[in-house]
Amino acid sequence: MEPLKPNDVARQLAVSRAWVYEAARTGRIPSVRIGGPDGPLRFVP
């Protein structure tokens, strides 16, 4: 399965993209950064 982008997660959860980023930052939803701390944020379904 391919990792999801923040927009995909926001659409599936019916929340804003800002909420997704905040939830990832606080650990509410698991995420990984591809390529290091400044890389793009991805979510494993």
PDB file of N, CA and C in Angstrom:
ATOM      1  N   MET A   1       0.826  -1.178   0.000  1.00  0.00           N
ATOM      2  CA  MET A   1       0.000   0.000   0.000  1.00  0.00           C
ATOM      3  C   MET A   1       0.881   1.256   0.000  1.00  0.00           C
ATOM      4  N   GLU A   2       0.477   2.237  -0.724  1.00  0.00           N
ATOM      5  CA  GLU A   2       1.246   3.471  -0.856  1.00  0.00           C
ATOM      6  C   GLU A   2       0.902   4.448   0.280  1.00  0.00           C
ATOM      7  N   PRO A   3       1.904   5.122   0.845  1.00  0.00           N
ATOM      8  CA  PRO A   3       1.624   6.105   1.902  1.00  0.00           C
ATOM      9  C   PRO A   3       0.718   7.225   1.396  1.00  0.00           C
ATOM     10  N   LEU A   4      -0.136   7.714   2.276  1.00  0.00           N
ATOM     11  CA  LEU A   4      -1.082   8.772   1.922  1.00  0.00           C
ATOM     12  C   LEU A   4      -0.485  10.150   2.159  1.00  0.00           C
ATOM     13  N   LYS A   5      -0.889  11.095   1.342  1.00  0.00           N
ATOM     14  CA  LYS A   5      -0.487  12.490   1.500  1.00  0.00           C
ATOM     15  C   LYS A   5      -1.461  13.178   2.455  1.00  0.00           C
ATOM     16  N   PRO A   6      -1.041  14.288   3.071  1.00  0.00           N
ATOM     17  CA  PRO A   6      -1.924  14.997   4.006  1.00  0.00           C
ATOM     18  C   PRO A   6      -3.288  15.350   3.408  1.00  0.00           C
ATOM     19  N   ASN A   7      -3.336  15.745   2.144  1.00  0.00           N
ATOM     20  CA  ASN A   7      -4.627  16.067   1.517  1.00  0.00           C
ATOM     21  C   ASN A   7      -5.542  14.848   1.466  1.00  0.00           C
ATOM     22  N   ASP A   8      -4.967  13.679   1.180  1.00  0.00           N
ATOM     23  CA  ASP A   8      -5.758  12.449   1.124  1.00  0.00           C
ATOM     24  C   ASP A   8      -6.343  12.116   2.495  1.00  0.00           C
ATOM     25  N   VAL A   9      -5.522  12.253   3.528  1.00  0.00           N
ATOM     26  CA  VAL A   9      -5.970  11.965   4.890  1.00  0.00           C
ATOM     27  C   VAL A   9      -7.070  12.944   5.295  1.00  0.00           C
ATOM     28  N   ALA A  10      -6.876  14.220   5.007  1.00  0.00           N
ATOM     29  CA  ALA A  10      -7.879  15.234   5.350  1.00  0.00           C
ATOM     30  C   ALA A  10      -9.209  14.927   4.674  1.00  0.00           C
ATOM     31  N   ARG A  11      -9.168  14.547   3.431  1.00  0.00           N
ATOM     32  CA  ARG A  11     -10.398  14.232   2.689  1.00  0.00           C
ATOM     33  C   ARG A  11     -11.092  13.009   3.296  1.00  0.00           C
ATOM     34  N   GLN A  12     -10.322  11.967   3.626  1.00  0.00           N
ATOM     35  CA  GLN A  12     -10.920  10.746   4.179  1.00  0.00           C
ATOM     36  C   GLN A  12     -11.507  10.966   5.566  1.00  0.00           C
ATOM     37  N   LEU A  13     -10.875  11.843   6.348  1.00  0.00           N
ATOM     38  CA  LEU A  13     -11.358  12.102   7.706  1.00  0.00           C
ATOM     39  C   LEU A  13     -12.336  13.271   7.776  1.00  0.00           C
ATOM     40  N   ALA A  14     -12.532  13.959   6.668  1.00  0.00           N
ATOM     41  CA  ALA A  14     -13.416  15.139   6.597  1.00  0.00           C
ATOM     42  C   ALA A  14     -12.978  16.214   7.592  1.00  0.00           C
ATOM     43  N   VAL A  15     -11.669  16.495   7.570  1.00  0.00           N
ATOM     44  CA  VAL A  15     -11.090  17.544   8.411  1.00  0.00           C
ATOM     45  C   VAL A  15     -10.194  18.414   7.534  1.00  0.00           C
ATOM     46  N   SER A  16      -9.714  19.509   8.098  1.00  0.00           N
ATOM     47  CA  SER A  16      -8.827  20.385   7.331  1.00  0.00           C
ATOM     48  C   SER A  16      -7.416  19.800   7.267  1.00  0.00           C
ATOM     49  N   ARG A  17      -6.676  20.253   6.291  1.00  0.00           N
ATOM     50  CA  ARG A  17      -5.282  19.824   6.164  1.00  0.00           C
ATOM     51  C   ARG A  17      -4.477  20.324   7.361  1.00  0.00           C
ATOM     52  N   ALA A  18      -4.813  21.506   7.874  1.00  0.00           N
ATOM     53  CA  ALA A  18      -4.131  22.035   9.063  1.00  0.00           C
ATOM     54  C   ALA A  18      -4.333  21.108  10.262  1.00  0.00           C
ATOM     55  N   TRP A  19      -5.543  20.561  10.395  1.00  0.00           N
ATOM     56  CA  TRP A  19      -5.815  19.629  11.491  1.00  0.00           C
ATOM     57  C   TRP A  19      -4.934  18.394  11.352  1.00  0.00           C
ATOM     58  N   VAL A  20      -4.780  17.899  10.132  1.00  0.00           N
ATOM     59  CA  VAL A  20      -3.957  16.710   9.881  1.00  0.00           C
ATOM     60  C   VAL A  20      -2.512  16.979  10.302  1.00  0.00           C
ATOM     61  N   TYR A  21      -1.969  18.128   9.915  1.00  0.00           N
ATOM     62  CA  TYR A  21      -0.593  18.461  10.292  1.00  0.00           C
ATOM     63  C   TYR A  21      -0.445  18.581  11.809  1.00  0.00           C
ATOM     64  N   GLU A  22      -1.408  19.210  12.464  1.00  0.00           N
ATOM     65  CA  GLU A  22      -1.347  19.358  13.921  1.00  0.00           C
ATOM     66  C   GLU A  22      -1.474  17.995  14.602  1.00  0.00           C
ATOM     67  N   ALA A  23      -2.370  17.153  14.118  1.00  0.00           N
ATOM     68  CA  ALA A  23      -2.543  15.821  14.693  1.00  0.00           C
ATOM     69  C   ALA A  23      -1.278  14.979  14.514  1.00  0.00           C
ATOM     70  N   ALA A  24      -0.615  15.125  13.392  1.00  0.00           N
ATOM     71  CA  ALA A  24       0.641  14.405  13.167  1.00  0.00           C
ATOM     72  C   ALA A  24       1.730  14.941  14.097  1.00  0.00           C
ATOM     73  N   ARG A  25       1.778  16.258  14.257  1.00  0.00           N
ATOM     74  CA  ARG A  25       2.800  16.875  15.109  1.00  0.00           C
ATOM     75  C   ARG A  25       2.663  16.427  16.561  1.00  0.00           C
ATOM     76  N   THR A  26       1.423  16.311  17.040  1.00  0.00           N
ATOM     77  CA  THR A  26       1.191  15.944  18.434  1.00  0.00           C
ATOM     78  C   THR A  26       1.138  14.436  18.660  1.00  0.00           C
ATOM     79  N   GLY A  27       1.217  13.647  17.579  1.00  0.00           N
ATOM     80  CA  GLY A  27       1.199  12.198  17.706  1.00  0.00           C
ATOM     81  C   GLY A  27      -0.197  11.595  17.740  1.00  0.00           C
ATOM     82  N   ARG A  28      -1.208  12.403  17.501  1.00  0.00           N
ATOM     83  CA  ARG A  28      -2.585  11.895  17.510  1.00  0.00           C
ATOM     84  C   ARG A  28      -2.825  10.890  16.381  1.00  0.00           C
ATOM     85  N   ILE A  29      -2.213  11.142  15.233  1.00  0.00           N
ATOM     86  CA  ILE A  29      -2.247  10.174  14.139  1.00  0.00           C
ATOM     87  C   ILE A  29      -0.804   9.898  13.721  1.00  0.00           C
ATOM     88  N   PRO A  30      -0.458   8.630  13.479  1.00  0.00           N
ATOM     89  CA  PRO A  30       0.925   8.286  13.139  1.00  0.00           C
ATOM     90  C   PRO A  30       1.307   8.778  11.746  1.00  0.00           C
ATOM     91  N   SER A  31       2.543   9.230  11.639  1.00  0.00           N
ATOM     92  CA  SER A  31       3.041   9.733  10.359  1.00  0.00           C
ATOM     93  C   SER A  31       4.546   9.555  10.289  1.00  0.00           C
ATOM     94  N   VAL A  32       5.081   9.700   9.091  1.00  0.00           N
ATOM     95  CA  VAL A  32       6.529   9.661   8.882  1.00  0.00           C
ATOM     96  C   VAL A  32       6.905  10.780   7.932  1.00  0.00           C
ATOM     97  N   ARG A  33       8.124  11.249   8.054  1.00  0.00           N
ATOM     98  CA  ARG A  33       8.661  12.234   7.113  1.00  0.00           C
ATOM     99  C   ARG A  33       9.631  11.496   6.208  1.00  0.00           C
ATOM    100  N   ILE A  34       9.403  11.577   4.915  1.00  0.00           N
ATOM    101  CA  ILE A  34      10.247  10.909   3.930  1.00  0.00           C
ATOM    102  C   ILE A  34      11.499  11.755   3.708  1.00  0.00           C
ATOM    103  N   GLY A  35      12.673  11.165   3.893  1.00  0.00           N
ATOM    104  CA  GLY A  35      13.914  11.870   3.617  1.00  0.00           C
ATOM    105  C   GLY A  35      14.425  12.746   4.739  1.00  0.00           C
ATOM    106  N   GLY A  36      13.900  12.610   5.944  1.00  0.00           N
ATOM    107  CA  GLY A  36      14.404  13.382   7.067  1.00  0.00           C
ATOM    108  C   GLY A  36      13.384  14.354   7.627  1.00  0.00           C
ATOM    109  N   PRO A  37      13.809  15.155   8.610  1.00  0.00           N
ATOM    110  CA  PRO A  37      12.873  16.029   9.330  1.00  0.00           C
ATOM    111  C   PRO A  37      12.224  17.117   8.481  1.00  0.00           C
ATOM    112  N   ASP A  38      12.816  17.472   7.365  1.00  0.00           N
ATOM    113  CA  ASP A  38      12.227  18.499   6.501  1.00  0.00           C
ATOM    114  C   ASP A  38      11.530  17.907   5.280  1.00  0.00           C
ATOM    115  N   GLY A  39      11.492  16.591   5.205  1.00  0.00           N
ATOM    116  CA  GLY A  39      10.882  15.930   4.050  1.00  0.00           C
ATOM    117  C   GLY A  39       9.365  15.964   4.103  1.00  0.00           C
ATOM    118  N   PRO A  40       8.734  15.515   3.031  1.00  0.00           N
ATOM    119  CA  PRO A  40       7.273  15.519   2.981  1.00  0.00           C
ATOM    120  C   PRO A  40       6.663  14.550   3.996  1.00  0.00           C
ATOM    121  N   LEU A  41       5.547  14.943   4.553  1.00  0.00           N
ATOM    122  CA  LEU A  41       4.828  14.153   5.542  1.00  0.00           C
ATOM    123  C   LEU A  41       3.959  13.119   4.835  1.00  0.00           C
ATOM    124  N   ARG A  42       3.998  11.869   5.319  1.00  0.00           N
ATOM    125  CA  ARG A  42       3.194  10.801   4.734  1.00  0.00           C
ATOM    126  C   ARG A  42       2.561   9.980   5.855  1.00  0.00           C
ATOM    127  N   PHE A  43       1.458   9.325   5.520  1.00  0.00           N
ATOM    128  CA  PHE A  43       0.698   8.533   6.478  1.00  0.00           C
ATOM    129  C   PHE A  43       0.494   7.142   5.912  1.00  0.00           C
ATOM    130  N   VAL A  44       0.642   6.132   6.774  1.00  0.00           N
ATOM    131  CA  VAL A  44       0.440   4.753   6.352  1.00  0.00           C
ATOM    132  C   VAL A  44      -0.991   4.372   6.716  1.00  0.00           C
ATOM    133  N   PRO A  45      -1.765   3.926   5.719  1.00  0.00           N
ATOM    134  CA  PRO A  45      -3.170   3.581   5.999  1.00  0.00           C
ATOM    135  C   PRO A  45      -3.304   2.383   6.914  1.00  0.00           C
TER     136      PRO A  45
END
